Amino acid sequence: MKNAYRKIIPGWGILSLIFLCSYPALAFETEALIPHLEVIIPGMTRTLEITQSYDFPQDFNNLFLVVLGYGGLSITLRKVDTEGDLLIMAGVGISPAGIGPVFKFGTTQVTLSEAIEIGSEYSPYGIAWIVSWVESPHHTPPYHYTLILSF
């Protein structure tokens, strides 16, 4: 009988978790939860033009970056078309060189820059996850901004 309880209890736990996590879908579904995937190697620069069609949390840029090589990864976020918008960039870089957090914010007409050390000579690889968005009390979406990745 105890053996049967050992098998039932994890099943009830999983069923309870599914029940508690299931909630009605919002009328507005977002595509921002699916990250954009990029691969970058040394000497490469990527410029991504981003359009945010709705306010945050309904829309934001979600980028997953696979880095093959070692050195400094430079991340630059720029929005210069309007004034008074809050530009936010957050994320993390994970590699054998360590974990490098990223958190920058500023009002537009500014350029946000961050550098993360990726990999080492013996382990030349790493990943980075970058999230960015625009908050504006004065303007309505869409918002346009640029993300530049240099390795």
N, C-alpha and C. Protein backbone atom coordinates (compact mmCIF):
# COMPACT_ATOMS: atom_id res chain seq x y z
N MET A 1 0.83 -1.20 0.00
CA MET A 1 0.00 0.00 0.00
C MET A 1 0.87 1.26 0.00
N LYS A 2 1.99 1.25 0.75
CA LYS A 2 2.87 2.42 0.78
C LYS A 2 3.49 2.66 -0.59
N ASN A 3 3.74 1.59 -1.32
CA ASN A 3 4.30 1.72 -2.66
C ASN A 3 3.32 2.44 -3.59
N ALA A 4 2.04 2.17 -3.43
CA ALA A 4 1.02 2.84 -4.24
C ALA A 4 0.95 4.33 -3.91
N TYR A 5 1.07 4.68 -2.62
CA TYR A 5 1.07 6.08 -2.22
C TYR A 5 2.28 6.81 -2.79
N ARG A 6 3.41 6.15 -2.86
CA ARG A 6 4.61 6.78 -3.42
C ARG A 6 4.44 7.12 -4.88
N LYS A 7 3.62 6.39 -5.58
CA LYS A 7 3.38 6.67 -6.99
C LYS A 7 2.26 7.68 -7.19
N ILE A 8 1.30 7.72 -6.28
CA ILE A 8 0.16 8.63 -6.42
C ILE A 8 0.53 10.05 -6.02
N ILE A 9 1.33 10.23 -4.99
CA ILE A 9 1.65 11.56 -4.48
C ILE A 9 2.34 12.43 -5.54
N PRO A 10 3.37 11.96 -6.26
CA PRO A 10 3.95 12.82 -7.31
C PRO A 10 2.95 13.14 -8.42
N GLY A 11 2.09 12.20 -8.74
CA GLY A 11 1.06 12.46 -9.75
C GLY A 11 0.11 13.56 -9.32
N TRP A 12 -0.30 13.53 -8.04
CA TRP A 12 -1.17 14.59 -7.53
C TRP A 12 -0.44 15.93 -7.50
N GLY A 13 0.86 15.88 -7.20
CA GLY A 13 1.65 17.12 -7.19
C GLY A 13 1.70 17.75 -8.57
N ILE A 14 1.95 16.94 -9.60
CA ILE A 14 2.00 17.45 -10.96
C ILE A 14 0.63 17.94 -11.40
N LEU A 15 -0.41 17.20 -11.09
CA LEU A 15 -1.77 17.60 -11.44
C LEU A 15 -2.15 18.92 -10.75
N SER A 16 -1.76 19.08 -9.49
CA SER A 16 -2.03 20.32 -8.76
C SER A 16 -1.29 21.49 -9.39
N LEU A 17 -0.03 21.27 -9.78
CA LEU A 17 0.74 22.32 -10.41
C LEU A 17 0.12 22.75 -11.74
N ILE A 18 -0.32 21.79 -12.52
CA ILE A 18 -0.99 22.12 -13.79
C ILE A 18 -2.28 22.89 -13.53
N PHE A 19 -3.04 22.48 -12.53
CA PHE A 19 -4.29 23.17 -12.20
C PHE A 19 -4.03 24.59 -11.73
N LEU A 20 -3.02 24.78 -10.88
CA LEU A 20 -2.74 26.12 -10.35
C LEU A 20 -2.15 27.04 -11.40
N CYS A 21 -1.41 26.49 -12.35
CA CYS A 21 -0.79 27.31 -13.39
C CYS A 21 -1.71 27.57 -14.57
N SER A 22 -2.80 26.84 -14.65
CA SER A 22 -3.71 27.07 -15.77
C SER A 22 -4.64 28.21 -15.40
N TYR A 23 -4.62 29.21 -16.21
CA TYR A 23 -5.47 30.37 -16.00
C TYR A 23 -6.03 30.76 -17.35
N PRO A 24 -7.14 31.47 -17.37
CA PRO A 24 -7.73 31.84 -18.65
C PRO A 24 -6.78 32.72 -19.45
N ALA A 25 -6.70 32.49 -20.73
CA ALA A 25 -5.84 33.29 -21.60
C ALA A 25 -6.40 34.70 -21.69
N LEU A 26 -5.51 35.65 -21.76
CA LEU A 26 -5.94 37.03 -21.91
C LEU A 26 -6.48 37.23 -23.33
N ALA A 27 -7.27 38.25 -23.49
CA ALA A 27 -7.82 38.52 -24.81
C ALA A 27 -6.73 38.94 -25.78
N PHE A 28 -5.63 39.44 -25.23
CA PHE A 28 -4.51 39.86 -26.07
C PHE A 28 -3.34 38.93 -25.82
N GLU A 29 -2.99 38.12 -26.79
CA GLU A 29 -1.84 37.22 -26.66
C GLU A 29 -0.60 37.91 -27.19
N THR A 30 0.52 37.68 -26.58
CA THR A 30 1.76 38.33 -27.00
C THR A 30 2.68 37.33 -27.68
N GLU A 31 3.44 37.81 -28.64
CA GLU A 31 4.46 37.00 -29.28
C GLU A 31 5.83 37.27 -28.68
N ALA A 32 5.94 38.19 -27.75
CA ALA A 32 7.21 38.58 -27.18
C ALA A 32 7.82 37.50 -26.31
N LEU A 33 7.02 36.54 -25.87
CA LEU A 33 7.55 35.50 -25.01
C LEU A 33 8.45 34.53 -25.76
N ILE A 34 8.35 34.48 -27.08
CA ILE A 34 9.20 33.62 -27.88
C ILE A 34 10.44 34.42 -28.25
N PRO A 35 11.62 34.01 -27.79
CA PRO A 35 12.81 34.82 -28.02
C PRO A 35 13.30 34.74 -29.47
N HIS A 36 13.91 35.82 -29.89
CA HIS A 36 14.58 35.87 -31.17
C HIS A 36 15.96 35.25 -30.97
N LEU A 37 16.39 34.34 -31.82
CA LEU A 37 17.64 33.61 -31.66
C LEU A 37 18.67 34.12 -32.65
N GLU A 38 19.86 34.45 -32.16
CA GLU A 38 20.97 34.90 -33.00
C GLU A 38 22.22 34.13 -32.62
N VAL A 39 23.09 33.90 -33.60
CA VAL A 39 24.41 33.31 -33.37
C VAL A 39 25.43 34.34 -33.82
N ILE A 40 26.45 34.57 -32.97
CA ILE A 40 27.45 35.57 -33.29
C ILE A 40 28.85 34.97 -33.07
N ILE A 41 29.77 35.33 -33.96
CA ILE A 41 31.15 34.84 -33.88
C ILE A 41 32.09 36.05 -33.83
N PRO A 42 33.38 35.85 -33.49
CA PRO A 42 34.30 36.99 -33.40
C PRO A 42 34.39 37.77 -34.71
N GLY A 43 34.45 39.09 -34.59
CA GLY A 43 34.53 39.97 -35.74
C GLY A 43 33.19 40.32 -36.35
N MET A 44 32.13 39.83 -35.78
CA MET A 44 30.79 40.02 -36.34
C MET A 44 30.07 41.15 -35.62
N THR A 45 29.32 41.94 -36.36
CA THR A 45 28.46 42.99 -35.80
C THR A 45 27.06 42.81 -36.37
N ARG A 46 26.08 42.79 -35.49
CA ARG A 46 24.68 42.65 -35.91
C ARG A 46 23.93 43.90 -35.48
N THR A 47 23.16 44.47 -36.39
CA THR A 47 22.32 45.62 -36.10
C THR A 47 20.87 45.17 -36.27
N LEU A 48 20.10 45.24 -35.19
CA LEU A 48 18.71 44.81 -35.21
C LEU A 48 17.81 46.04 -35.05
N GLU A 49 16.96 46.28 -36.02
CA GLU A 49 15.97 47.34 -35.93
C GLU A 49 14.72 46.74 -35.29
N ILE A 50 14.31 47.28 -34.16
CA ILE A 50 13.22 46.70 -33.38
C ILE A 50 12.03 47.64 -33.38
N THR A 51 10.86 47.08 -33.60
CA THR A 51 9.61 47.82 -33.52
C THR A 51 8.76 47.21 -32.42
N GLN A 52 8.44 48.01 -31.44
CA GLN A 52 7.59 47.58 -30.34
C GLN A 52 6.18 48.11 -30.61
N SER A 53 5.27 47.21 -30.91
CA SER A 53 3.93 47.61 -31.36
C SER A 53 2.98 47.94 -30.23
N TYR A 54 3.24 47.44 -29.02
CA TYR A 54 2.37 47.67 -27.87
C TYR A 54 3.22 48.04 -26.67
N ASP A 55 2.58 48.51 -25.61
CA ASP A 55 3.30 48.85 -24.39
C ASP A 55 3.80 47.58 -23.71
N PHE A 56 4.85 47.75 -22.87
CA PHE A 56 5.39 46.63 -22.09
C PHE A 56 4.32 46.13 -21.14
N PRO A 57 3.97 45.13 -20.77
CA PRO A 57 4.42 43.75 -20.87
C PRO A 57 3.83 43.02 -22.05
N GLN A 58 3.01 43.72 -22.86
CA GLN A 58 2.40 43.04 -23.99
C GLN A 58 3.37 42.87 -25.14
N ASP A 59 4.37 43.72 -25.22
CA ASP A 59 5.36 43.60 -26.28
C ASP A 59 6.70 44.11 -25.77
N PHE A 60 7.75 43.37 -26.06
CA PHE A 60 9.11 43.75 -25.71
C PHE A 60 10.05 42.92 -26.57
N ASN A 61 11.32 43.30 -26.60
CA ASN A 61 12.31 42.56 -27.37
C ASN A 61 12.93 41.51 -26.47
N ASN A 62 12.94 40.27 -26.91
CA ASN A 62 13.46 39.15 -26.16
C ASN A 62 14.46 38.44 -27.07
N LEU A 63 15.76 38.58 -26.78
CA LEU A 63 16.81 38.07 -27.66
C LEU A 63 17.66 37.05 -26.93
N PHE A 64 17.81 35.87 -27.52
CA PHE A 64 18.69 34.83 -27.00
C PHE A 64 19.86 34.73 -27.95
N LEU A 65 21.06 34.92 -27.44
CA LEU A 65 22.26 35.02 -28.27
C LEU A 65 23.22 33.88 -27.94
N VAL A 66 23.63 33.12 -28.96
CA VAL A 66 24.65 32.08 -28.81
C VAL A 66 25.95 32.66 -29.33
N VAL A 67 26.97 32.69 -28.47
CA VAL A 67 28.24 33.31 -28.80
C VAL A 67 29.29 32.22 -28.95
N LEU A 68 29.91 32.14 -30.13
CA LEU A 68 30.94 31.15 -30.41
C LEU A 68 32.27 31.88 -30.54
N GLY A 69 33.11 31.78 -29.51
CA GLY A 69 34.38 32.48 -29.47
C GLY A 69 34.57 33.06 -28.08
N TYR A 70 35.65 33.81 -27.90
CA TYR A 70 35.87 34.44 -26.60
C TYR A 70 36.32 35.88 -26.81
N GLY A 71 36.03 36.70 -25.83
CA GLY A 71 36.36 38.11 -25.89
C GLY A 71 35.22 38.94 -25.32
N GLY A 72 35.22 40.21 -25.66
CA GLY A 72 34.19 41.12 -25.16
C GLY A 72 33.02 41.24 -26.12
N LEU A 73 31.83 41.06 -25.61
CA LEU A 73 30.60 41.25 -26.38
C LEU A 73 30.04 42.62 -26.02
N SER A 74 29.93 43.48 -27.00
CA SER A 74 29.43 44.83 -26.80
C SER A 74 27.96 44.90 -27.21
N ILE A 75 27.12 45.43 -26.32
CA ILE A 75 25.69 45.57 -26.56
C ILE A 75 25.35 47.06 -26.49
N THR A 76 24.77 47.59 -27.55
CA THR A 76 24.42 49.00 -27.60
C THR A 76 22.95 49.12 -27.97
N LEU A 77 22.21 49.90 -27.20
CA LEU A 77 20.79 50.13 -27.44
C LEU A 77 20.60 51.62 -27.66
N ARG A 78 19.91 51.99 -28.74
CA ARG A 78 19.80 53.38 -29.13
C ARG A 78 18.38 53.69 -29.61
N LYS A 79 17.85 54.82 -29.12
CA LYS A 79 16.55 55.35 -29.59
C LYS A 79 16.68 56.86 -29.61
N VAL A 80 16.61 57.43 -30.80
CA VAL A 80 16.84 58.86 -30.92
C VAL A 80 15.71 59.61 -31.61
N ASP A 81 14.61 58.93 -31.95
CA ASP A 81 13.57 59.61 -32.72
C ASP A 81 12.66 60.51 -31.89
N THR A 82 12.39 60.18 -30.63
CA THR A 82 11.53 61.01 -29.79
C THR A 82 12.22 61.25 -28.45
N GLU A 83 11.77 62.28 -27.75
CA GLU A 83 12.33 62.58 -26.43
C GLU A 83 11.33 62.23 -25.35
N GLY A 84 11.84 61.88 -24.17
CA GLY A 84 11.00 61.63 -23.02
C GLY A 84 10.59 60.18 -22.82
N ASP A 85 11.03 59.27 -23.69
CA ASP A 85 10.71 57.85 -23.54
C ASP A 85 11.78 57.17 -22.69
N LEU A 86 11.35 56.25 -21.85
CA LEU A 86 12.28 55.50 -21.02
C LEU A 86 12.70 54.24 -21.76
N LEU A 87 14.00 54.07 -21.96
CA LEU A 87 14.57 52.93 -22.66
C LEU A 87 15.22 52.02 -21.63
N ILE A 88 14.85 50.72 -21.64
CA ILE A 88 15.32 49.78 -20.62
C ILE A 88 15.95 48.58 -21.30
N MET A 89 17.12 48.15 -20.78
CA MET A 89 17.81 46.97 -21.28
C MET A 89 18.25 46.15 -20.07
N ALA A 90 17.91 44.86 -20.07
CA ALA A 90 18.28 43.97 -18.98
C ALA A 90 18.68 42.63 -19.59
N GLY A 91 19.43 41.86 -18.84
CA GLY A 91 19.81 40.55 -19.34
C GLY A 91 20.97 39.96 -18.57
N VAL A 92 21.54 38.90 -19.14
CA VAL A 92 22.64 38.20 -18.50
C VAL A 92 23.47 37.50 -19.57
N GLY A 93 24.78 37.46 -19.35
CA GLY A 93 25.68 36.69 -20.20
C GLY A 93 26.29 35.58 -19.36
N ILE A 94 26.24 34.35 -19.86
CA ILE A 94 26.74 33.19 -19.11
C ILE A 94 27.77 32.48 -19.98
N SER A 95 28.96 32.28 -19.41
CA SER A 95 30.04 31.61 -20.13
C SER A 95 31.05 31.09 -19.11
N PRO A 96 32.08 30.37 -19.57
CA PRO A 96 33.13 29.94 -18.64
C PRO A 96 33.87 31.11 -17.98
N ALA A 97 33.77 32.31 -18.56
CA ALA A 97 34.39 33.49 -17.95
C ALA A 97 33.58 33.99 -16.76
N GLY A 98 32.36 33.49 -16.57
CA GLY A 98 31.52 33.90 -15.46
C GLY A 98 30.16 34.36 -15.92
N ILE A 99 29.42 34.89 -14.97
CA ILE A 99 28.07 35.40 -15.24
C ILE A 99 28.14 36.91 -15.19
N GLY A 100 27.70 37.55 -16.30
CA GLY A 100 27.72 39.00 -16.38
C GLY A 100 26.33 39.56 -16.50
N PRO A 101 25.82 40.19 -15.44
CA PRO A 101 24.48 40.78 -15.52
C PRO A 101 24.49 42.08 -16.32
N VAL A 102 23.35 42.39 -16.92
CA VAL A 102 23.17 43.62 -17.69
C VAL A 102 21.91 44.30 -17.19
N PHE A 103 22.02 45.56 -16.80
CA PHE A 103 20.84 46.36 -16.48
C PHE A 103 21.18 47.82 -16.71
N LYS A 104 20.57 48.40 -17.72
CA LYS A 104 20.78 49.81 -18.04
C LYS A 104 19.43 50.42 -18.38
N PHE A 105 19.26 51.69 -18.05
CA PHE A 105 18.06 52.40 -18.46
C PHE A 105 18.40 53.88 -18.59
N GLY A 106 17.63 54.56 -19.39
CA GLY A 106 17.82 55.99 -19.60
C GLY A 106 16.71 56.57 -20.43
N THR A 107 16.65 57.88 -20.45
CA THR A 107 15.64 58.59 -21.24
C THR A 107 16.16 58.76 -22.65
N THR A 108 15.28 58.67 -23.63
CA THR A 108 15.70 58.68 -25.03
C THR A 108 16.46 59.94 -25.39
N GLN A 109 17.07 59.88 -26.55
CA GLN A 109 18.14 60.76 -27.00
C GLN A 109 19.42 60.37 -26.28
N VAL A 110 19.51 59.08 -25.93
CA VAL A 110 20.67 58.53 -25.23
C VAL A 110 21.01 57.18 -25.86
N THR A 111 22.26 56.77 -25.69
CA THR A 111 22.70 55.46 -26.14
C THR A 111 23.14 54.67 -24.92
N LEU A 112 22.56 53.48 -24.73
CA LEU A 112 22.93 52.61 -23.62
C LEU A 112 23.94 51.59 -24.13
N SER A 113 25.07 51.46 -23.44
CA SER A 113 26.11 50.52 -23.85
C SER A 113 26.53 49.65 -22.68
N GLU A 114 26.81 48.40 -22.98
CA GLU A 114 27.26 47.45 -21.97
C GLU A 114 28.20 46.46 -22.65
N ALA A 115 29.19 45.97 -21.92
CA ALA A 115 30.12 44.96 -22.43
C ALA A 115 30.14 43.78 -21.48
N ILE A 116 30.16 42.58 -22.05
CA ILE A 116 30.19 41.35 -21.26
C ILE A 116 31.37 40.51 -21.75
N GLU A 117 32.14 39.98 -20.84
CA GLU A 117 33.23 39.07 -21.19
C GLU A 117 32.66 37.68 -21.42
N ILE A 118 32.95 37.11 -22.60
CA ILE A 118 32.42 35.80 -22.98
C ILE A 118 33.57 34.83 -23.21
N GLY A 119 33.46 33.65 -22.61
CA GLY A 119 34.38 32.55 -22.87
C GLY A 119 35.80 32.79 -22.40
N SER A 120 36.65 31.82 -22.70
CA SER A 120 38.08 31.90 -22.42
C SER A 120 38.79 31.18 -23.56
N GLU A 121 40.10 31.21 -23.53
CA GLU A 121 40.88 30.57 -24.59
C GLU A 121 40.62 29.07 -24.65
N TYR A 122 40.38 28.47 -23.51
CA TYR A 122 40.16 27.01 -23.45
C TYR A 122 38.69 26.62 -23.61
N SER A 123 37.78 27.54 -23.37
CA SER A 123 36.34 27.29 -23.53
C SER A 123 35.71 28.46 -24.27
N PRO A 124 35.85 28.49 -25.61
CA PRO A 124 35.40 29.66 -26.37
C PRO A 124 33.91 29.60 -26.77
N TYR A 125 33.05 29.77 -25.80
CA TYR A 125 31.62 29.77 -26.08
C TYR A 125 30.88 30.45 -24.94
N GLY A 126 29.63 30.79 -25.16
CA GLY A 126 28.79 31.38 -24.13
C GLY A 126 27.42 31.69 -24.69
N ILE A 127 26.54 32.12 -23.82
CA ILE A 127 25.20 32.54 -24.22
C ILE A 127 24.88 33.87 -23.55
N ALA A 128 23.97 34.59 -24.15
CA ALA A 128 23.49 35.84 -23.56
C ALA A 128 22.00 35.94 -23.81
N TRP A 129 21.31 36.48 -22.85
CA TRP A 129 19.87 36.71 -22.96
C TRP A 129 19.64 38.18 -22.70
N ILE A 130 19.04 38.88 -23.64
CA ILE A 130 18.85 40.33 -23.54
C ILE A 130 17.38 40.66 -23.76
N VAL A 131 16.83 41.45 -22.86
CA VAL A 131 15.45 41.91 -22.94
C VAL A 131 15.48 43.43 -22.95
N SER A 132 14.73 44.04 -23.86
CA SER A 132 14.67 45.50 -23.91
C SER A 132 13.26 45.95 -24.27
N TRP A 133 12.94 47.14 -23.82
CA TRP A 133 11.63 47.71 -24.14
C TRP A 133 11.64 49.20 -23.90
N VAL A 134 10.57 49.86 -24.36
CA VAL A 134 10.39 51.30 -24.23
C VAL A 134 9.12 51.56 -23.44
N GLU A 135 9.20 52.46 -22.49
CA GLU A 135 8.04 52.95 -21.75
C GLU A 135 7.90 54.44 -22.05
N SER A 136 6.70 54.87 -22.40
CA SER A 136 6.51 56.28 -22.71
C SER A 136 5.23 56.81 -22.08
N PRO A 137 5.34 57.84 -21.26
CA PRO A 137 4.12 58.45 -20.71
C PRO A 137 3.46 59.43 -21.70
N HIS A 138 4.20 59.84 -22.74
CA HIS A 138 3.70 60.88 -23.64
C HIS A 138 3.34 60.38 -25.03
N HIS A 139 3.97 59.32 -25.50
CA HIS A 139 3.78 58.84 -26.86
C HIS A 139 3.07 57.49 -26.86
N THR A 140 2.43 57.19 -27.97
CA THR A 140 1.76 55.89 -28.11
C THR A 140 2.58 55.02 -29.07
N PRO A 141 2.46 53.69 -28.92
CA PRO A 141 3.20 52.79 -29.80
C PRO A 141 2.76 52.97 -31.25
N PRO A 142 3.54 52.58 -32.19
CA PRO A 142 4.75 51.77 -32.12
C PRO A 142 5.98 52.61 -31.79
N TYR A 143 6.94 51.96 -31.13
CA TYR A 143 8.24 52.56 -30.80
C TYR A 143 9.29 51.86 -31.65
N HIS A 144 10.25 52.62 -32.15
CA HIS A 144 11.32 52.06 -32.96
C HIS A 144 12.65 52.35 -32.28
N TYR A 145 13.48 51.32 -32.14
CA TYR A 145 14.81 51.51 -31.59
C TYR A 145 15.76 50.48 -32.18
N THR A 146 17.06 50.67 -31.93
CA THR A 146 18.11 49.87 -32.56
C THR A 146 18.94 49.17 -31.49
N LEU A 147 19.21 47.89 -31.72
CA LEU A 147 20.09 47.09 -30.86
C LEU A 147 21.28 46.66 -31.70
N ILE A 148 22.49 47.01 -31.25
CA ILE A 148 23.72 46.67 -31.98
C ILE A 148 24.55 45.73 -31.13
N LEU A 149 24.92 44.59 -31.70
CA LEU A 149 25.73 43.58 -31.04
C LEU A 149 27.06 43.47 -31.77
N SER A 150 28.18 43.65 -31.06
CA SER A 150 29.51 43.54 -31.65
C SER A 150 30.34 42.58 -30.84
N PHE A 151 31.04 41.68 -31.53
CA PHE A 151 31.87 40.71 -30.84
C PHE A 151 33.25 40.71 -31.45
